[in-house]
Amino acid sequence: MVASEAVRNAHIWFESNSGWAPPDVDTLDEWTADGVCRAPDECLTSPTGWCDHGLASWWLILDALEDRR
């Protein structure tokens, strides 16, 4: 799997799982300072990785959104 596929998987997951929200900047900064991150399903992963379910970390998802702007 590559990062773009994990981000795509996360967007598909968003379509059938309501109530999700990205972390605020302070939370994301705390996670990455500790070398970890969460995926939208709350799994723990690395900031540039994805969980065992194939969902990208919030860092990757938000980074991909920034790249599109």
PDB file of N, CA and C in Angstrom:
ATOM      1  N   MET A   1       0.852  -1.176   0.000  1.00  0.00           N
ATOM      2  CA  MET A   1       0.000   0.000   0.000  1.00  0.00           C
ATOM      3  C   MET A   1       0.901   1.243   0.000  1.00  0.00           C
ATOM      4  N   VAL A   2       0.421   2.292  -0.615  1.00  0.00           N
ATOM      5  CA  VAL A   2       1.123   3.573  -0.621  1.00  0.00           C
ATOM      6  C   VAL A   2       0.233   4.615   0.053  1.00  0.00           C
ATOM      7  N   ALA A   3       0.831   5.745   0.411  1.00  0.00           N
ATOM      8  CA  ALA A   3       0.114   6.778   1.149  1.00  0.00           C
ATOM      9  C   ALA A   3      -1.149   7.253   0.428  1.00  0.00           C
ATOM     10  N   SER A   4      -1.067   7.445  -0.881  1.00  0.00           N
ATOM     11  CA  SER A   4      -2.238   7.956  -1.606  1.00  0.00           C
ATOM     12  C   SER A   4      -3.404   6.967  -1.540  1.00  0.00           C
ATOM     13  N   GLU A   5      -3.100   5.682  -1.535  1.00  0.00           N
ATOM     14  CA  GLU A   5      -4.149   4.665  -1.420  1.00  0.00           C
ATOM     15  C   GLU A   5      -4.770   4.693  -0.019  1.00  0.00           C
ATOM     16  N   ALA A   6      -3.941   4.880   1.007  1.00  0.00           N
ATOM     17  CA  ALA A   6      -4.443   4.961   2.379  1.00  0.00           C
ATOM     18  C   ALA A   6      -5.322   6.198   2.573  1.00  0.00           C
ATOM     19  N   VAL A   7      -4.940   7.304   1.962  1.00  0.00           N
ATOM     20  CA  VAL A   7      -5.767   8.523   2.029  1.00  0.00           C
ATOM     21  C   VAL A   7      -7.100   8.269   1.324  1.00  0.00           C
ATOM     22  N   ARG A   8      -7.060   7.647   0.181  1.00  0.00           N
ATOM     23  CA  ARG A   8      -8.285   7.309  -0.550  1.00  0.00           C
ATOM     24  C   ARG A   8      -9.180   6.388   0.288  1.00  0.00           C
ATOM     25  N   ASN A   9      -8.577   5.402   0.952  1.00  0.00           N
ATOM     26  CA  ASN A   9      -9.334   4.514   1.836  1.00  0.00           C
ATOM     27  C   ASN A   9     -10.015   5.294   2.959  1.00  0.00           C
ATOM     28  N   ALA A  10      -9.319   6.278   3.495  1.00  0.00           N
ATOM     29  CA  ALA A  10      -9.898   7.089   4.567  1.00  0.00           C
ATOM     30  C   ALA A  10     -11.101   7.874   4.060  1.00  0.00           C
ATOM     31  N   HIS A  11     -11.016   8.426   2.869  1.00  0.00           N
ATOM     32  CA  HIS A  11     -12.149   9.173   2.312  1.00  0.00           C
ATOM     33  C   HIS A  11     -13.344   8.257   2.053  1.00  0.00           C
ATOM     34  N   ILE A  12     -13.082   7.044   1.640  1.00  0.00           N
ATOM     35  CA  ILE A  12     -14.170   6.067   1.477  1.00  0.00           C
ATOM     36  C   ILE A  12     -14.776   5.752   2.841  1.00  0.00           C
ATOM     37  N   TRP A  13     -13.943   5.603   3.847  1.00  0.00           N
ATOM     38  CA  TRP A  13     -14.407   5.333   5.211  1.00  0.00           C
ATOM     39  C   TRP A  13     -15.286   6.483   5.707  1.00  0.00           C
ATOM     40  N   PHE A  14     -14.903   7.736   5.404  1.00  0.00           N
ATOM     41  CA  PHE A  14     -15.678   8.901   5.822  1.00  0.00           C
ATOM     42  C   PHE A  14     -17.113   8.839   5.290  1.00  0.00           C
ATOM     43  N   GLU A  15     -17.278   8.306   4.085  1.00  0.00           N
ATOM     44  CA  GLU A  15     -18.600   8.261   3.460  1.00  0.00           C
ATOM     45  C   GLU A  15     -19.599   7.407   4.234  1.00  0.00           C
ATOM     46  N   SER A  16     -19.121   6.414   4.958  1.00  0.00           N
ATOM     47  CA  SER A  16     -20.049   5.539   5.684  1.00  0.00           C
ATOM     48  C   SER A  16     -19.925   5.646   7.201  1.00  0.00           C
ATOM     49  N   ASN A  17     -19.109   6.570   7.689  1.00  0.00           N
ATOM     50  CA  ASN A  17     -18.927   6.766   9.125  1.00  0.00           C
ATOM     51  C   ASN A  17     -19.086   8.239   9.453  1.00  0.00           C
ATOM     52  N   SER A  18     -20.226   8.599   9.971  1.00  0.00           N
ATOM     53  CA  SER A  18     -20.477  10.009  10.287  1.00  0.00           C
ATOM     54  C   SER A  18     -19.923  10.346  11.663  1.00  0.00           C
ATOM     55  N   GLY A  19     -19.835  11.622  11.936  1.00  0.00           N
ATOM     56  CA  GLY A  19     -19.410  12.089  13.246  1.00  0.00           C
ATOM     57  C   GLY A  19     -17.912  12.256  13.411  1.00  0.00           C
ATOM     58  N   TRP A  20     -17.148  12.008  12.368  1.00  0.00           N
ATOM     59  CA  TRP A  20     -15.707  12.170  12.462  1.00  0.00           C
ATOM     60  C   TRP A  20     -15.340  13.642  12.329  1.00  0.00           C
ATOM     61  N   ALA A  21     -14.228  14.000  12.887  1.00  0.00           N
ATOM     62  CA  ALA A  21     -13.711  15.361  12.742  1.00  0.00           C
ATOM     63  C   ALA A  21     -12.193  15.293  12.866  1.00  0.00           C
ATOM     64  N   PRO A  22     -11.494  16.072  12.080  1.00  0.00           N
ATOM     65  CA  PRO A  22     -10.035  16.059  12.188  1.00  0.00           C
ATOM     66  C   PRO A  22      -9.596  16.632  13.532  1.00  0.00           C
ATOM     67  N   PRO A  23      -8.425  16.232  13.992  1.00  0.00           N
ATOM     68  CA  PRO A  23      -7.915  16.782  15.242  1.00  0.00           C
ATOM     69  C   PRO A  23      -7.558  18.258  15.078  1.00  0.00           C
ATOM     70  N   ASP A  24      -7.570  18.981  16.182  1.00  0.00           N
ATOM     71  CA  ASP A  24      -7.136  20.377  16.105  1.00  0.00           C
ATOM     72  C   ASP A  24      -5.615  20.412  15.963  1.00  0.00           C
ATOM     73  N   VAL A  25      -5.098  21.556  15.616  1.00  0.00           N
ATOM     74  CA  VAL A  25      -3.667  21.708  15.337  1.00  0.00           C
ATOM     75  C   VAL A  25      -2.819  21.323  16.544  1.00  0.00           C
ATOM     76  N   ASP A  26      -3.230  21.727  17.747  1.00  0.00           N
ATOM     77  CA  ASP A  26      -2.453  21.402  18.953  1.00  0.00           C
ATOM     78  C   ASP A  26      -2.373  19.895  19.185  1.00  0.00           C
ATOM     79  N   THR A  27      -3.479  19.205  18.995  1.00  0.00           N
ATOM     80  CA  THR A  27      -3.496  17.751  19.178  1.00  0.00           C
ATOM     81  C   THR A  27      -2.600  17.075  18.150  1.00  0.00           C
ATOM     82  N   LEU A  28      -2.713  17.492  16.906  1.00  0.00           N
ATOM     83  CA  LEU A  28      -1.872  16.916  15.851  1.00  0.00           C
ATOM     84  C   LEU A  28      -0.392  17.177  16.150  1.00  0.00           C
ATOM     85  N   ASP A  29      -0.075  18.370  16.622  1.00  0.00           N
ATOM     86  CA  ASP A  29       1.309  18.701  16.980  1.00  0.00           C
ATOM     87  C   ASP A  29       1.815  17.832  18.137  1.00  0.00           C
ATOM     88  N   GLU A  30       0.967  17.577  19.118  1.00  0.00           N
ATOM     89  CA  GLU A  30       1.351  16.715  20.248  1.00  0.00           C
ATOM     90  C   GLU A  30       1.631  15.297  19.769  1.00  0.00           C
ATOM     91  N   TRP A  31       0.727  14.774  18.943  1.00  0.00           N
ATOM     92  CA  TRP A  31       0.924  13.420  18.433  1.00  0.00           C
ATOM     93  C   TRP A  31       2.242  13.308  17.676  1.00  0.00           C
ATOM     94  N   THR A  32       2.444  14.225  16.739  1.00  0.00           N
ATOM     95  CA  THR A  32       3.635  14.117  15.893  1.00  0.00           C
ATOM     96  C   THR A  32       4.914  14.349  16.695  1.00  0.00           C
ATOM     97  N   ALA A  33       4.857  15.188  17.723  1.00  0.00           N
ATOM     98  CA  ALA A  33       6.026  15.387  18.590  1.00  0.00           C
ATOM     99  C   ALA A  33       6.392  14.084  19.303  1.00  0.00           C
ATOM    100  N   ASP A  34       5.382  13.258  19.564  1.00  0.00           N
ATOM    101  CA  ASP A  34       5.610  11.956  20.193  1.00  0.00           C
ATOM    102  C   ASP A  34       5.912  10.862  19.163  1.00  0.00           C
ATOM    103  N   GLY A  35       5.888  11.220  17.875  1.00  0.00           N
ATOM    104  CA  GLY A  35       6.188  10.264  16.814  1.00  0.00           C
ATOM    105  C   GLY A  35       5.046   9.321  16.489  1.00  0.00           C
ATOM    106  N   VAL A  36       3.829   9.718  16.887  1.00  0.00           N
ATOM    107  CA  VAL A  36       2.647   8.899  16.616  1.00  0.00           C
ATOM    108  C   VAL A  36       1.555   9.762  16.004  1.00  0.00           C
ATOM    109  N   CYS A  37       0.503   9.114  15.586  1.00  0.00           N
ATOM    110  CA  CYS A  37      -0.662   9.819  15.057  1.00  0.00           C
ATOM    111  C   CYS A  37      -1.843   8.860  15.163  1.00  0.00           C
ATOM    112  N   ARG A  38      -3.025   9.384  14.963  1.00  0.00           N
ATOM    113  CA  ARG A  38      -4.231   8.567  14.934  1.00  0.00           C
ATOM    114  C   ARG A  38      -4.772   8.551  13.514  1.00  0.00           C
ATOM    115  N   ALA A  39      -5.440   7.469  13.189  1.00  0.00           N
ATOM    116  CA  ALA A  39      -6.217   7.378  11.956  1.00  0.00           C
ATOM    117  C   ALA A  39      -7.651   7.757  12.321  1.00  0.00           C
ATOM    118  N   PRO A  40      -8.501   8.031  11.348  1.00  0.00           N
ATOM    119  CA  PRO A  40      -9.882   8.414  11.649  1.00  0.00           C
ATOM    120  C   PRO A  40     -10.654   7.403  12.491  1.00  0.00           C
ATOM    121  N   ASP A  41     -10.278   6.133  12.424  1.00  0.00           N
ATOM    122  CA  ASP A  41     -10.964   5.114  13.235  1.00  0.00           C
ATOM    123  C   ASP A  41     -10.342   4.969  14.617  1.00  0.00           C
ATOM    124  N   GLU A  42      -9.469   5.914  14.976  1.00  0.00           N
ATOM    125  CA  GLU A  42      -8.791   6.003  16.279  1.00  0.00           C
ATOM    126  C   GLU A  42      -7.620   5.040  16.434  1.00  0.00           C
ATOM    127  N   CYS A  43      -7.280   4.289  15.410  1.00  0.00           N
ATOM    128  CA  CYS A  43      -6.101   3.426  15.489  1.00  0.00           C
ATOM    129  C   CYS A  43      -4.847   4.286  15.611  1.00  0.00           C
ATOM    130  N   LEU A  44      -3.869   3.782  16.331  1.00  0.00           N
ATOM    131  CA  LEU A  44      -2.594   4.457  16.485  1.00  0.00           C
ATOM    132  C   LEU A  44      -1.678   4.047  15.337  1.00  0.00           C
ATOM    133  N   THR A  45      -1.007   5.023  14.750  1.00  0.00           N
ATOM    134  CA  THR A  45      -0.094   4.765  13.643  1.00  0.00           C
ATOM    135  C   THR A  45       1.016   5.810  13.674  1.00  0.00           C
ATOM    136  N   SER A  46       1.895   5.768  12.729  1.00  0.00           N
ATOM    137  CA  SER A  46       2.916   6.807  12.617  1.00  0.00           C
ATOM    138  C   SER A  46       2.317   7.992  11.865  1.00  0.00           C
ATOM    139  N   PRO A  47       2.914   9.179  11.999  1.00  0.00           N
ATOM    140  CA  PRO A  47       2.366  10.349  11.293  1.00  0.00           C
ATOM    141  C   PRO A  47       2.295  10.159   9.775  1.00  0.00           C
ATOM    142  N   THR A  48       3.235   9.445   9.206  1.00  0.00           N
ATOM    143  CA  THR A  48       3.242   9.266   7.753  1.00  0.00           C
ATOM    144  C   THR A  48       2.808   7.859   7.345  1.00  0.00           C
ATOM    145  N   GLY A  49       2.072   7.207   8.233  1.00  0.00           N
ATOM    146  CA  GLY A  49       1.660   5.834   7.976  1.00  0.00           C
ATOM    147  C   GLY A  49       0.157   5.656   7.948  1.00  0.00           C
ATOM    148  N   TRP A  50      -0.251   4.410   8.031  1.00  0.00           N
ATOM    149  CA  TRP A  50      -1.664   4.058   8.023  1.00  0.00           C
ATOM    150  C   TRP A  50      -1.854   2.887   8.976  1.00  0.00           C
ATOM    151  N   CYS A  51      -3.081   2.716   9.395  1.00  0.00           N
ATOM    152  CA  CYS A  51      -3.393   1.671  10.373  1.00  0.00           C
ATOM    153  C   CYS A  51      -3.529   0.316   9.689  1.00  0.00           C
ATOM    154  N   ASP A  52      -3.713  -0.710  10.502  1.00  0.00           N
ATOM    155  CA  ASP A  52      -3.870  -2.072   9.971  1.00  0.00           C
ATOM    156  C   ASP A  52      -5.110  -2.209   9.092  1.00  0.00           C
ATOM    157  N   HIS A  53      -6.068  -1.291   9.248  1.00  0.00           N
ATOM    158  CA  HIS A  53      -7.292  -1.316   8.441  1.00  0.00           C
ATOM    159  C   HIS A  53      -7.116  -0.586   7.108  1.00  0.00           C
ATOM    160  N   GLY A  54      -5.926   0.002   6.895  1.00  0.00           N
ATOM    161  CA  GLY A  54      -5.634   0.672   5.632  1.00  0.00           C
ATOM    162  C   GLY A  54      -6.037   2.127   5.577  1.00  0.00           C
ATOM    163  N   LEU A  55      -6.351   2.730   6.751  1.00  0.00           N
ATOM    164  CA  LEU A  55      -6.726   4.147   6.772  1.00  0.00           C
ATOM    165  C   LEU A  55      -5.509   5.003   7.088  1.00  0.00           C
ATOM    166  N   ALA A  56      -5.336   6.063   6.334  1.00  0.00           N
ATOM    167  CA  ALA A  56      -4.210   6.969   6.516  1.00  0.00           C
ATOM    168  C   ALA A  56      -4.292   7.687   7.851  1.00  0.00           C
ATOM    169  N   SER A  57      -3.141   8.085   8.352  1.00  0.00           N
ATOM    170  CA  SER A  57      -3.105   8.920   9.556  1.00  0.00           C
ATOM    171  C   SER A  57      -3.743  10.273   9.250  1.00  0.00           C
ATOM    172  N   TRP A  58      -4.188  10.931  10.300  1.00  0.00           N
ATOM    173  CA  TRP A  58      -4.738  12.274  10.107  1.00  0.00           C
ATOM    174  C   TRP A  58      -3.698  13.200   9.497  1.00  0.00           C
ATOM    175  N   TRP A  59      -2.427  13.024   9.852  1.00  0.00           N
ATOM    176  CA  TRP A  59      -1.391  13.887   9.288  1.00  0.00           C
ATOM    177  C   TRP A  59      -1.366  13.746   7.769  1.00  0.00           C
ATOM    178  N   LEU A  60      -1.393  12.489   7.276  1.00  0.00           N
ATOM    179  CA  LEU A  60      -1.383  12.271   5.824  1.00  0.00           C
ATOM    180  C   LEU A  60      -2.638  12.845   5.159  1.00  0.00           C
ATOM    181  N   ILE A  61      -3.786  12.639   5.788  1.00  0.00           N
ATOM    182  CA  ILE A  61      -5.049  13.126   5.216  1.00  0.00           C
ATOM    183  C   ILE A  61      -5.028  14.646   5.097  1.00  0.00           C
ATOM    184  N   LEU A  62      -4.640  15.313   6.173  1.00  0.00           N
ATOM    185  CA  LEU A  62      -4.627  16.782   6.158  1.00  0.00           C
ATOM    186  C   LEU A  62      -3.541  17.314   5.230  1.00  0.00           C
ATOM    187  N   ASP A  63      -2.418  16.628   5.156  1.00  0.00           N
ATOM    188  CA  ASP A  63      -1.351  17.030   4.244  1.00  0.00           C
ATOM    189  C   ASP A  63      -1.823  16.933   2.794  1.00  0.00           C
ATOM    190  N   ALA A  64      -2.563  15.874   2.468  1.00  0.00           N
ATOM    191  CA  ALA A  64      -3.084  15.699   1.110  1.00  0.00           C
ATOM    192  C   ALA A  64      -4.081  16.819   0.773  1.00  0.00           C
ATOM    193  N   LEU A  65      -4.880  17.237   1.737  1.00  0.00           N
ATOM    194  CA  LEU A  65      -5.816  18.344   1.503  1.00  0.00           C
ATOM    195  C   LEU A  65      -5.076  19.635   1.232  1.00  0.00           C
ATOM    196  N   GLU A  66      -3.995  19.865   1.958  1.00  0.00           N
ATOM    197  CA  GLU A  66      -3.193  21.070   1.743  1.00  0.00           C
ATOM    198  C   GLU A  66      -2.558  21.069   0.350  1.00  0.00           C
ATOM    199  N   ASP A  67      -2.133  19.897  -0.100  1.00  0.00           N
ATOM    200  CA  ASP A  67      -1.504  19.776  -1.426  1.00  0.00           C
ATOM    201  C   ASP A  67      -2.475  20.116  -2.545  1.00  0.00           C
ATOM    202  N   ARG A  68      -3.763  19.930  -2.307  1.00  0.00           N
ATOM    203  CA  ARG A  68      -4.784  20.186  -3.334  1.00  0.00           C
ATOM    204  C   ARG A  68      -5.123  21.658  -3.460  1.00  0.00           C
ATOM    205  N   ARG A  69      -4.716  22.440  -2.506  1.00  0.00           N
ATOM    206  CA  ARG A  69      -5.045  23.890  -2.531  1.00  0.00           C
ATOM    207  C   ARG A  69      -4.069  24.670  -3.338  1.00  0.00           C
TER     208      ARG A  69
END
